[in-house]
Amino acid sequence: MAVPKRKKSPSRRNMRRRHGKLKLPAVSSDQYGNLHLRHYATAARRNDGQMSHDNKPMSVVEGDG
């Protein structure tokens, strides 16, 4: 079993633990009061009026073959 040669100081122990704390998500509200994650397109607003991708169904072209 691995055993440390020296005792870690409380300062170094806390520096290691400091990175593991939970962060709150960055939630914003738009001009209508709806909450959303920042920099994410919502279903209702589609990235504030700008379509990020086309949701139209693809048309099937029937041909010979």
Protein backbone atom coordinates (compact mmCIF):
# COMPACT_ATOMS: atom_id res chain seq x y z
CA MET A 1 0.00 0.00 0.00
CA ALA A 2 1.30 3.46 -0.89
CA VAL A 3 2.17 5.63 2.09
CA PRO A 4 3.10 9.32 1.77
CA LYS A 5 6.55 10.28 3.04
CA ARG A 6 5.39 13.60 4.46
CA LYS A 7 2.15 14.93 5.87
CA LYS A 8 0.28 17.29 3.56
CA SER A 9 -0.30 20.68 5.10
CA PRO A 10 -3.91 21.89 5.50
CA SER A 11 -3.20 24.57 2.90
CA ARG A 12 -2.20 22.04 0.23
CA ARG A 13 -5.06 19.73 1.20
CA ASN A 14 -7.56 22.57 0.80
CA MET A 15 -6.02 23.62 -2.53
CA ARG A 16 -6.68 20.11 -3.83
CA ARG A 17 -10.26 20.09 -2.54
CA ARG A 18 -11.03 23.58 -3.83
CA HIS A 19 -11.43 22.34 -7.42
CA GLY A 20 -14.15 19.84 -6.57
CA LYS A 21 -16.86 22.20 -5.39
CA LEU A 22 -20.13 22.46 -7.27
CA LYS A 23 -20.94 25.50 -9.36
CA LEU A 24 -24.37 26.93 -10.05
CA PRO A 25 -25.40 26.95 -13.71
CA ALA A 26 -25.32 30.32 -15.44
CA VAL A 27 -29.05 30.95 -15.82
CA SER A 28 -30.35 34.10 -17.51
CA SER A 29 -33.78 35.47 -18.17
CA ASP A 30 -34.82 36.89 -21.51
CA GLN A 31 -36.93 39.99 -22.11
CA TYR A 32 -40.10 37.93 -21.50
CA GLY A 33 -38.97 36.59 -18.12
CA ASN A 34 -38.23 33.03 -19.28
CA LEU A 35 -35.22 31.35 -17.68
CA HIS A 36 -32.66 29.67 -19.93
CA LEU A 37 -29.02 28.62 -19.98
CA ARG A 38 -26.71 31.20 -21.50
CA HIS A 39 -25.51 30.64 -25.09
CA TYR A 40 -28.07 27.87 -25.71
CA ALA A 41 -30.83 28.05 -28.28
CA THR A 42 -34.26 27.53 -26.74
CA ALA A 43 -37.13 25.81 -28.53
CA ALA A 44 -39.36 28.88 -28.33
CA ARG A 45 -36.89 31.59 -29.37
CA ARG A 46 -34.34 29.65 -31.45
CA ASN A 47 -31.27 31.61 -30.40
CA ASP A 48 -33.07 34.96 -30.12
CA GLY A 49 -34.60 35.03 -33.59
CA GLN A 50 -31.73 33.55 -35.55
CA MET A 51 -32.26 30.00 -36.72
CA SER A 52 -29.23 27.91 -35.89
CA HIS A 53 -30.31 25.04 -38.16
CA ASP A 54 -33.13 24.22 -40.56
CA ASN A 55 -35.91 22.02 -39.13
CA LYS A 56 -37.75 21.43 -42.42
CA PRO A 57 -38.27 17.77 -43.32
CA MET A 58 -36.25 16.57 -46.26
CA SER A 59 -38.25 16.04 -49.43
CA VAL A 60 -37.94 12.69 -51.13
CA VAL A 61 -37.25 12.90 -54.85
CA GLU A 62 -38.70 9.96 -56.72
CA GLY A 63 -36.78 9.05 -59.81
CA ASP A 64 -36.02 6.20 -62.12
CA GLY A 65 -34.50 3.24 -60.47
